[in-house]
Amino acid sequence: MITVLIMGMYMVENKVYSLYYWHRSLGLSLFIFAIYRLILRVKEGLPKPKLSYTKIEKNLSRLVQILLLASTILMPISGILMTTMNGFGLILFDLVFVTPTPDPINSMLGDLSKTIHVTCGWIMAGTLLLHVSGAMKHHIIDRDDTLKSMLKLKSN
């Protein structure tokens, strides 16, 4: 997900159109994984803190987890809509699901989807930074097993 996010920001900023094929295909592939993760989170719930923390820490943790889940679902959906509504079709590694068209299907919906896609990208980037910062805080300052749990490593 991080690679696709960085790739998207790089290709837009530098107008590297050759990366769109990879960005779209990898993003669509990750969408399938994101749906699986969402189903698991709905079934199992969000991870509970291992130790007692302040209300602000607990609320921030929940907010970051929810924003990450939401952005991993909204980014691909908005990307799919942006791509198909602007006439680029829906293609996963040369497997065509929606054929490209010479003209946009609905450019207004395509533009709205682009705004959502870009906004979700920035939200995801910010929440990823918060998530990594929180994991480092747990590991370095709190010296608890939260990071090991996230990485599925054996606890002490």
N, C-alpha and C. Protein backbone atom coordinates (compact mmCIF):
# COMPACT_ATOMS: atom_id res chain seq x y z
N MET A 1 0.83 -1.19 0.00
CA MET A 1 0.00 0.00 0.00
C MET A 1 0.87 1.25 0.00
N ILE A 2 1.92 1.23 0.80
CA ILE A 2 2.82 2.38 0.87
C ILE A 2 3.49 2.61 -0.48
N THR A 3 3.89 1.53 -1.13
CA THR A 3 4.55 1.64 -2.44
C THR A 3 3.60 2.26 -3.47
N VAL A 4 2.36 1.80 -3.48
CA VAL A 4 1.38 2.33 -4.44
C VAL A 4 1.08 3.80 -4.13
N LEU A 5 1.02 4.15 -2.86
CA LEU A 5 0.79 5.53 -2.45
C LEU A 5 1.93 6.43 -2.91
N ILE A 6 3.17 6.01 -2.65
CA ILE A 6 4.33 6.81 -3.06
C ILE A 6 4.40 6.88 -4.59
N MET A 7 4.13 5.76 -5.25
CA MET A 7 4.14 5.74 -6.71
C MET A 7 3.13 6.74 -7.27
N GLY A 8 1.93 6.77 -6.68
CA GLY A 8 0.90 7.70 -7.14
C GLY A 8 1.32 9.15 -6.97
N MET A 9 1.87 9.47 -5.82
CA MET A 9 2.32 10.84 -5.58
C MET A 9 3.46 11.22 -6.53
N TYR A 10 4.38 10.29 -6.74
CA TYR A 10 5.52 10.55 -7.62
C TYR A 10 5.07 10.75 -9.07
N MET A 11 4.19 9.87 -9.56
CA MET A 11 3.81 9.96 -10.97
C MET A 11 2.98 11.20 -11.25
N VAL A 12 2.16 11.63 -10.31
CA VAL A 12 1.38 12.85 -10.51
C VAL A 12 2.28 14.08 -10.46
N GLU A 13 3.14 14.12 -9.45
CA GLU A 13 4.04 15.28 -9.28
C GLU A 13 4.99 15.44 -10.46
N ASN A 14 5.49 14.32 -10.97
CA ASN A 14 6.50 14.36 -12.04
C ASN A 14 5.95 14.02 -13.42
N LYS A 15 4.64 13.83 -13.50
CA LYS A 15 3.97 13.51 -14.77
C LYS A 15 4.62 12.30 -15.46
N VAL A 16 4.83 11.24 -14.69
CA VAL A 16 5.42 10.00 -15.21
C VAL A 16 4.25 9.06 -15.56
N TYR A 17 3.71 9.23 -16.75
CA TYR A 17 2.52 8.51 -17.16
C TYR A 17 2.75 7.02 -17.35
N SER A 18 3.99 6.60 -17.52
CA SER A 18 4.28 5.18 -17.71
C SER A 18 4.01 4.37 -16.44
N LEU A 19 3.90 5.00 -15.30
CA LEU A 19 3.64 4.29 -14.05
C LEU A 19 2.15 4.02 -13.80
N TYR A 20 1.28 4.66 -14.58
CA TYR A 20 -0.16 4.49 -14.35
C TYR A 20 -0.57 3.02 -14.45
N TYR A 21 -0.04 2.29 -15.42
CA TYR A 21 -0.37 0.87 -15.58
C TYR A 21 -0.11 0.12 -14.28
N TRP A 22 1.09 0.32 -13.71
CA TRP A 22 1.46 -0.38 -12.47
C TRP A 22 0.65 0.12 -11.29
N HIS A 23 0.47 1.44 -11.20
CA HIS A 23 -0.28 2.03 -10.09
C HIS A 23 -1.71 1.48 -10.06
N ARG A 24 -2.35 1.47 -11.22
CA ARG A 24 -3.74 0.98 -11.28
C ARG A 24 -3.82 -0.51 -11.00
N SER A 25 -2.94 -1.29 -11.59
CA SER A 25 -3.00 -2.74 -11.41
C SER A 25 -2.68 -3.13 -9.96
N LEU A 26 -1.63 -2.54 -9.40
CA LEU A 26 -1.29 -2.84 -8.01
C LEU A 26 -2.37 -2.33 -7.06
N GLY A 27 -2.91 -1.14 -7.33
CA GLY A 27 -3.98 -0.58 -6.50
C GLY A 27 -5.22 -1.45 -6.51
N LEU A 28 -5.59 -1.95 -7.68
CA LEU A 28 -6.75 -2.83 -7.79
C LEU A 28 -6.50 -4.15 -7.07
N SER A 29 -5.30 -4.67 -7.17
CA SER A 29 -4.93 -5.90 -6.45
C SER A 29 -5.02 -5.69 -4.94
N LEU A 30 -4.52 -4.54 -4.48
CA LEU A 30 -4.57 -4.24 -3.05
C LEU A 30 -5.99 -4.04 -2.55
N PHE A 31 -6.87 -3.59 -3.43
CA PHE A 31 -8.27 -3.40 -3.06
C PHE A 31 -8.88 -4.73 -2.62
N ILE A 32 -8.53 -5.80 -3.31
CA ILE A 32 -9.03 -7.12 -2.95
C ILE A 32 -8.55 -7.48 -1.54
N PHE A 33 -7.28 -7.23 -1.26
CA PHE A 33 -6.73 -7.48 0.07
C PHE A 33 -7.39 -6.56 1.11
N ALA A 34 -7.65 -5.30 0.74
CA ALA A 34 -8.27 -4.35 1.67
C ALA A 34 -9.67 -4.80 2.06
N ILE A 35 -10.41 -5.35 1.13
CA ILE A 35 -11.75 -5.86 1.44
C ILE A 35 -11.64 -7.01 2.45
N TYR A 36 -10.69 -7.90 2.22
CA TYR A 36 -10.44 -9.01 3.15
C TYR A 36 -10.11 -8.47 4.55
N ARG A 37 -9.22 -7.46 4.63
CA ARG A 37 -8.86 -6.86 5.93
C ARG A 37 -10.07 -6.22 6.59
N LEU A 38 -10.91 -5.55 5.81
CA LEU A 38 -12.10 -4.92 6.36
C LEU A 38 -13.04 -5.98 6.94
N ILE A 39 -13.23 -7.07 6.22
CA ILE A 39 -14.08 -8.16 6.72
C ILE A 39 -13.53 -8.70 8.03
N LEU A 40 -12.21 -8.89 8.10
CA LEU A 40 -11.59 -9.36 9.35
C LEU A 40 -11.82 -8.38 10.49
N ARG A 41 -11.65 -7.08 10.21
CA ARG A 41 -11.82 -6.07 11.27
C ARG A 41 -13.26 -6.00 11.73
N VAL A 42 -14.22 -6.15 10.82
CA VAL A 42 -15.62 -6.15 11.22
C VAL A 42 -15.91 -7.39 12.06
N LYS A 43 -15.35 -8.52 11.66
CA LYS A 43 -15.56 -9.78 12.37
C LYS A 43 -14.87 -9.80 13.73
N GLU A 44 -13.59 -9.37 13.77
CA GLU A 44 -12.79 -9.46 14.99
C GLU A 44 -12.75 -8.18 15.80
N GLY A 45 -13.10 -7.07 15.21
CA GLY A 45 -13.00 -5.78 15.89
C GLY A 45 -11.58 -5.22 15.78
N LEU A 46 -11.44 -3.98 16.17
CA LEU A 46 -10.12 -3.35 16.16
C LEU A 46 -9.29 -3.90 17.32
N PRO A 47 -7.96 -3.96 17.15
CA PRO A 47 -7.11 -4.46 18.24
C PRO A 47 -7.27 -3.61 19.50
N LYS A 48 -7.29 -4.27 20.62
CA LYS A 48 -7.39 -3.59 21.92
C LYS A 48 -5.99 -3.26 22.43
N PRO A 49 -5.85 -2.13 23.15
CA PRO A 49 -4.54 -1.80 23.73
C PRO A 49 -4.10 -2.85 24.74
N LYS A 50 -2.81 -3.12 24.77
CA LYS A 50 -2.27 -4.14 25.67
C LYS A 50 -2.16 -3.62 27.11
N LEU A 51 -1.93 -2.33 27.27
CA LEU A 51 -1.81 -1.72 28.59
C LEU A 51 -2.83 -0.59 28.69
N SER A 52 -2.95 -0.02 29.88
CA SER A 52 -3.87 1.11 30.03
C SER A 52 -3.16 2.39 29.59
N TYR A 53 -3.84 3.15 28.78
CA TYR A 53 -3.32 4.42 28.26
C TYR A 53 -4.34 5.51 28.52
N THR A 54 -3.94 6.76 28.31
CA THR A 54 -4.85 7.87 28.52
C THR A 54 -5.98 7.80 27.50
N LYS A 55 -7.05 8.50 27.81
CA LYS A 55 -8.21 8.53 26.91
C LYS A 55 -7.81 9.11 25.55
N ILE A 56 -6.97 10.14 25.55
CA ILE A 56 -6.52 10.75 24.29
C ILE A 56 -5.75 9.74 23.45
N GLU A 57 -4.86 8.97 24.08
CA GLU A 57 -4.08 7.95 23.36
C GLU A 57 -4.99 6.88 22.77
N LYS A 58 -5.95 6.44 23.54
CA LYS A 58 -6.89 5.42 23.06
C LYS A 58 -7.73 5.95 21.90
N ASN A 59 -8.23 7.18 22.04
CA ASN A 59 -9.05 7.77 20.98
C ASN A 59 -8.23 8.02 19.71
N LEU A 60 -7.00 8.50 19.86
CA LEU A 60 -6.14 8.73 18.71
C LEU A 60 -5.81 7.41 18.01
N SER A 61 -5.56 6.39 18.80
CA SER A 61 -5.27 5.06 18.24
C SER A 61 -6.46 4.56 17.41
N ARG A 62 -7.65 4.66 17.95
CA ARG A 62 -8.86 4.23 17.24
C ARG A 62 -9.07 5.05 15.97
N LEU A 63 -8.88 6.36 16.08
CA LEU A 63 -9.06 7.23 14.91
C LEU A 63 -8.09 6.85 13.80
N VAL A 64 -6.84 6.62 14.15
CA VAL A 64 -5.83 6.24 13.15
C VAL A 64 -6.20 4.91 12.52
N GLN A 65 -6.63 3.93 13.32
CA GLN A 65 -7.01 2.63 12.78
C GLN A 65 -8.19 2.75 11.83
N ILE A 66 -9.18 3.54 12.21
CA ILE A 66 -10.38 3.72 11.37
C ILE A 66 -10.03 4.47 10.08
N LEU A 67 -9.22 5.52 10.19
CA LEU A 67 -8.83 6.27 8.99
C LEU A 67 -8.01 5.41 8.02
N LEU A 68 -7.13 4.58 8.56
CA LEU A 68 -6.36 3.68 7.69
C LEU A 68 -7.28 2.68 6.98
N LEU A 69 -8.19 2.09 7.71
CA LEU A 69 -9.14 1.15 7.09
C LEU A 69 -10.00 1.86 6.04
N ALA A 70 -10.53 3.02 6.40
CA ALA A 70 -11.40 3.76 5.47
C ALA A 70 -10.64 4.16 4.21
N SER A 71 -9.42 4.65 4.38
CA SER A 71 -8.67 5.10 3.20
C SER A 71 -8.24 3.93 2.33
N THR A 72 -8.00 2.76 2.92
CA THR A 72 -7.63 1.60 2.09
C THR A 72 -8.82 1.09 1.28
N ILE A 73 -10.03 1.46 1.66
CA ILE A 73 -11.22 1.11 0.88
C ILE A 73 -11.60 2.25 -0.07
N LEU A 74 -11.62 3.49 0.44
CA LEU A 74 -12.04 4.63 -0.38
C LEU A 74 -11.06 4.98 -1.50
N MET A 75 -9.76 4.81 -1.25
CA MET A 75 -8.78 5.13 -2.31
C MET A 75 -9.00 4.29 -3.55
N PRO A 76 -9.05 2.96 -3.44
CA PRO A 76 -9.25 2.18 -4.66
C PRO A 76 -10.62 2.42 -5.31
N ILE A 77 -11.66 2.56 -4.50
CA ILE A 77 -12.99 2.81 -5.08
C ILE A 77 -12.99 4.12 -5.86
N SER A 78 -12.43 5.17 -5.26
CA SER A 78 -12.39 6.45 -5.97
C SER A 78 -11.46 6.38 -7.18
N GLY A 79 -10.38 5.61 -7.08
CA GLY A 79 -9.48 5.42 -8.22
C GLY A 79 -10.16 4.68 -9.36
N ILE A 80 -10.92 3.66 -9.03
CA ILE A 80 -11.67 2.90 -10.04
C ILE A 80 -12.69 3.81 -10.72
N LEU A 81 -13.44 4.56 -9.92
CA LEU A 81 -14.43 5.49 -10.50
C LEU A 81 -13.76 6.56 -11.35
N MET A 82 -12.67 7.15 -10.85
CA MET A 82 -11.96 8.18 -11.59
C MET A 82 -11.50 7.64 -12.94
N THR A 83 -10.92 6.46 -12.93
CA THR A 83 -10.38 5.86 -14.15
C THR A 83 -11.49 5.51 -15.14
N THR A 84 -12.52 4.82 -14.67
CA THR A 84 -13.58 4.38 -15.59
C THR A 84 -14.42 5.55 -16.08
N MET A 85 -14.75 6.50 -15.21
CA MET A 85 -15.58 7.63 -15.62
C MET A 85 -14.85 8.57 -16.59
N ASN A 86 -13.54 8.60 -16.52
CA ASN A 86 -12.77 9.42 -17.45
C ASN A 86 -12.41 8.66 -18.73
N GLY A 87 -12.94 7.43 -18.88
CA GLY A 87 -12.79 6.70 -20.13
C GLY A 87 -11.55 5.84 -20.25
N PHE A 88 -10.80 5.66 -19.15
CA PHE A 88 -9.57 4.87 -19.23
C PHE A 88 -9.79 3.37 -19.02
N GLY A 89 -11.01 2.98 -18.72
CA GLY A 89 -11.31 1.58 -18.52
C GLY A 89 -10.83 1.09 -17.17
N LEU A 90 -11.00 -0.21 -16.97
CA LEU A 90 -10.56 -0.85 -15.74
C LEU A 90 -9.76 -2.09 -16.14
N ILE A 91 -8.45 -2.01 -15.94
CA ILE A 91 -7.55 -3.05 -16.42
C ILE A 91 -6.64 -3.50 -15.27
N LEU A 92 -6.59 -4.81 -15.07
CA LEU A 92 -5.74 -5.39 -14.03
C LEU A 92 -4.70 -6.26 -14.73
N PHE A 93 -3.47 -5.76 -14.83
CA PHE A 93 -2.39 -6.49 -15.49
C PHE A 93 -2.85 -7.10 -16.82
N ASP A 94 -3.33 -6.28 -17.71
CA ASP A 94 -3.77 -6.65 -19.07
C ASP A 94 -5.09 -7.42 -19.11
N LEU A 95 -5.71 -7.66 -17.98
CA LEU A 95 -7.04 -8.27 -17.94
C LEU A 95 -8.05 -7.13 -17.91
N VAL A 96 -8.81 -6.99 -18.99
CA VAL A 96 -9.73 -5.85 -19.15
C VAL A 96 -11.08 -6.18 -18.53
N PHE A 97 -11.47 -5.39 -17.51
CA PHE A 97 -12.79 -5.51 -16.90
C PHE A 97 -13.77 -4.51 -17.50
N VAL A 98 -13.28 -3.30 -17.75
CA VAL A 98 -14.07 -2.26 -18.41
C VAL A 98 -13.20 -1.72 -19.55
N THR A 99 -13.72 -1.78 -20.75
CA THR A 99 -12.97 -1.35 -21.93
C THR A 99 -12.81 0.17 -21.94
N PRO A 100 -11.61 0.65 -22.24
CA PRO A 100 -11.41 2.10 -22.38
C PRO A 100 -12.28 2.67 -23.51
N THR A 101 -12.71 3.91 -23.33
CA THR A 101 -13.51 4.59 -24.35
C THR A 101 -12.79 5.85 -24.82
N PRO A 102 -13.06 6.30 -26.05
CA PRO A 102 -12.37 7.50 -26.54
C PRO A 102 -12.78 8.77 -25.79
N ASP A 103 -13.97 8.78 -25.23
CA ASP A 103 -14.48 9.96 -24.51
C ASP A 103 -14.82 9.58 -23.08
N PRO A 104 -14.76 10.55 -22.16
CA PRO A 104 -15.16 10.28 -20.77
C PRO A 104 -16.62 9.82 -20.71
N ILE A 105 -16.91 8.95 -19.77
CA ILE A 105 -18.27 8.47 -19.55
C ILE A 105 -19.05 9.51 -18.76
N ASN A 106 -18.42 10.02 -17.68
CA ASN A 106 -19.03 11.05 -16.84
C ASN A 106 -17.89 11.83 -16.19
N SER A 107 -17.46 12.89 -16.86
CA SER A 107 -16.28 13.63 -16.38
C SER A 107 -16.52 14.32 -15.04
N MET A 108 -17.77 14.69 -14.74
CA MET A 108 -18.05 15.33 -13.45
C MET A 108 -17.83 14.32 -12.30
N LEU A 109 -18.32 13.10 -12.48
CA LEU A 109 -18.10 12.06 -11.48
C LEU A 109 -16.62 11.67 -11.44
N GLY A 110 -15.96 11.67 -12.59
CA GLY A 110 -14.53 11.40 -12.65
C GLY A 110 -13.73 12.43 -11.88
N ASP A 111 -14.09 13.70 -12.03
CA ASP A 111 -13.39 14.78 -11.32
C ASP A 111 -13.63 14.70 -9.80
N LEU A 112 -14.88 14.41 -9.41
CA LEU A 112 -15.19 14.25 -7.99
C LEU A 112 -14.40 13.08 -7.41
N SER A 113 -14.35 11.99 -8.15
CA SER A 113 -13.60 10.81 -7.71
C SER A 113 -12.11 11.12 -7.57
N LYS A 114 -11.60 11.95 -8.49
CA LYS A 114 -10.18 12.33 -8.41
C LYS A 114 -9.92 13.12 -7.13
N THR A 115 -10.81 14.05 -6.80
CA THR A 115 -10.67 14.84 -5.58
C THR A 115 -10.67 13.93 -4.35
N ILE A 116 -11.58 12.97 -4.33
CA ILE A 116 -11.66 12.02 -3.21
C ILE A 116 -10.39 11.18 -3.15
N HIS A 117 -9.92 10.73 -4.30
CA HIS A 117 -8.72 9.88 -4.39
C HIS A 117 -7.49 10.62 -3.85
N VAL A 118 -7.31 11.85 -4.29
CA VAL A 118 -6.16 12.65 -3.84
C VAL A 118 -6.27 12.96 -2.35
N THR A 119 -7.45 13.33 -1.89
CA THR A 119 -7.67 13.64 -0.47
C THR A 119 -7.40 12.41 0.39
N CYS A 120 -7.90 11.26 -0.03
CA CYS A 120 -7.64 10.02 0.71
C CYS A 120 -6.15 9.68 0.73
N GLY A 121 -5.45 10.01 -0.35
CA GLY A 121 -4.01 9.77 -0.39
C GLY A 121 -3.29 10.55 0.69
N TRP A 122 -3.65 11.82 0.84
CA TRP A 122 -3.02 12.64 1.88
C TRP A 122 -3.43 12.20 3.27
N ILE A 123 -4.69 11.81 3.42
CA ILE A 123 -5.15 11.29 4.72
C ILE A 123 -4.38 10.01 5.06
N MET A 124 -4.23 9.13 4.07
CA MET A 124 -3.50 7.89 4.31
C MET A 124 -2.04 8.17 4.66
N ALA A 125 -1.41 9.08 3.95
CA ALA A 125 -0.01 9.41 4.23
C ALA A 125 0.15 9.93 5.67
N GLY A 126 -0.75 10.83 6.07
CA GLY A 126 -0.69 11.38 7.43
C GLY A 126 -0.96 10.34 8.49
N THR A 127 -1.96 9.49 8.27
CA THR A 127 -2.27 8.48 9.27
C THR A 127 -1.20 7.39 9.32
N LEU A 128 -0.57 7.10 8.19
CA LEU A 128 0.56 6.15 8.21
C LEU A 128 1.70 6.69 9.07
N LEU A 129 1.98 7.99 8.94
CA LEU A 129 3.02 8.61 9.77
C LEU A 129 2.64 8.53 11.25
N LEU A 130 1.38 8.81 11.56
CA LEU A 130 0.92 8.69 12.96
C LEU A 130 1.01 7.25 13.44
N HIS A 131 0.65 6.32 12.58
CA HIS A 131 0.67 4.90 12.94
C HIS A 131 2.09 4.42 13.25
N VAL A 132 3.02 4.78 12.39
CA VAL A 132 4.43 4.40 12.60
C VAL A 132 4.97 5.09 13.85
N SER A 133 4.62 6.37 14.03
CA SER A 133 5.07 7.10 15.23
C SER A 133 4.54 6.44 16.50
N GLY A 134 3.27 6.05 16.46
CA GLY A 134 2.68 5.37 17.62
C GLY A 134 3.35 4.04 17.90
N ALA A 135 3.64 3.29 16.86
CA ALA A 135 4.31 2.00 17.03
C ALA A 135 5.70 2.20 17.65
N MET A 136 6.41 3.23 17.18
CA MET A 136 7.74 3.52 17.72
C MET A 136 7.65 3.97 19.18
N LYS A 137 6.62 4.76 19.51
CA LYS A 137 6.42 5.20 20.89
C LYS A 137 6.21 3.98 21.79
N HIS A 138 5.35 3.06 21.34
CA HIS A 138 5.12 1.84 22.12
C HIS A 138 6.42 1.07 22.33
N HIS A 139 7.20 0.96 21.29
CA HIS A 139 8.40 0.13 21.34
C HIS A 139 9.53 0.79 22.14
N ILE A 140 9.76 2.08 21.91
CA ILE A 140 10.92 2.76 22.50
C ILE A 140 10.60 3.37 23.87
N ILE A 141 9.48 4.07 23.98
CA ILE A 141 9.16 4.77 25.23
C ILE A 141 8.42 3.86 26.21
N ASP A 142 7.33 3.25 25.75
CA ASP A 142 6.52 2.41 26.63
C ASP A 142 7.15 1.04 26.87
N ARG A 143 7.98 0.62 25.96
CA ARG A 143 8.66 -0.69 26.02
C ARG A 143 7.66 -1.84 26.21
N ASP A 144 6.56 -1.76 25.44
CA ASP A 144 5.58 -2.84 25.50
C ASP A 144 5.67 -3.69 24.22
N ASP A 145 4.80 -4.67 24.09
CA ASP A 145 4.85 -5.62 22.98
C ASP A 145 3.93 -5.26 21.82
N THR A 146 3.44 -4.02 21.79
CA THR A 146 2.52 -3.61 20.73
C THR A 146 3.13 -3.76 19.35
N LEU A 147 4.35 -3.28 19.16
CA LEU A 147 5.01 -3.39 17.85
C LEU A 147 5.21 -4.85 17.47
N LYS A 148 5.64 -5.65 18.43
CA LYS A 148 5.83 -7.08 18.14
C LYS A 148 4.50 -7.72 17.75
N SER A 149 3.43 -7.31 18.41
CA SER A 149 2.11 -7.84 18.10
C SER A 149 1.69 -7.43 16.68
N MET A 150 1.96 -6.17 16.32
CA MET A 150 1.63 -5.68 14.98
C MET A 150 2.39 -6.45 13.91
N LEU A 151 3.63 -6.78 14.21
CA LEU A 151 4.49 -7.48 13.25
C LEU A 151 4.35 -9.00 13.37
N LYS A 152 3.46 -9.43 14.27
CA LYS A 152 3.21 -10.86 14.50
C LYS A 152 4.47 -11.59 14.97
N LEU A 153 5.29 -10.89 15.78
CA LEU A 153 6.49 -11.50 16.38
C LEU A 153 6.13 -12.01 17.76
N LYS A 154 6.89 -12.94 18.24
CA LYS A 154 6.65 -13.51 19.56
C LYS A 154 6.96 -12.47 20.65
N SER A 155 6.06 -12.33 21.62
CA SER A 155 6.26 -11.42 22.74
C SER A 155 7.21 -12.04 23.76
N ASN A 156 7.79 -11.15 24.59
CA ASN A 156 8.69 -11.63 25.66
C ASN A 156 7.93 -12.36 26.72
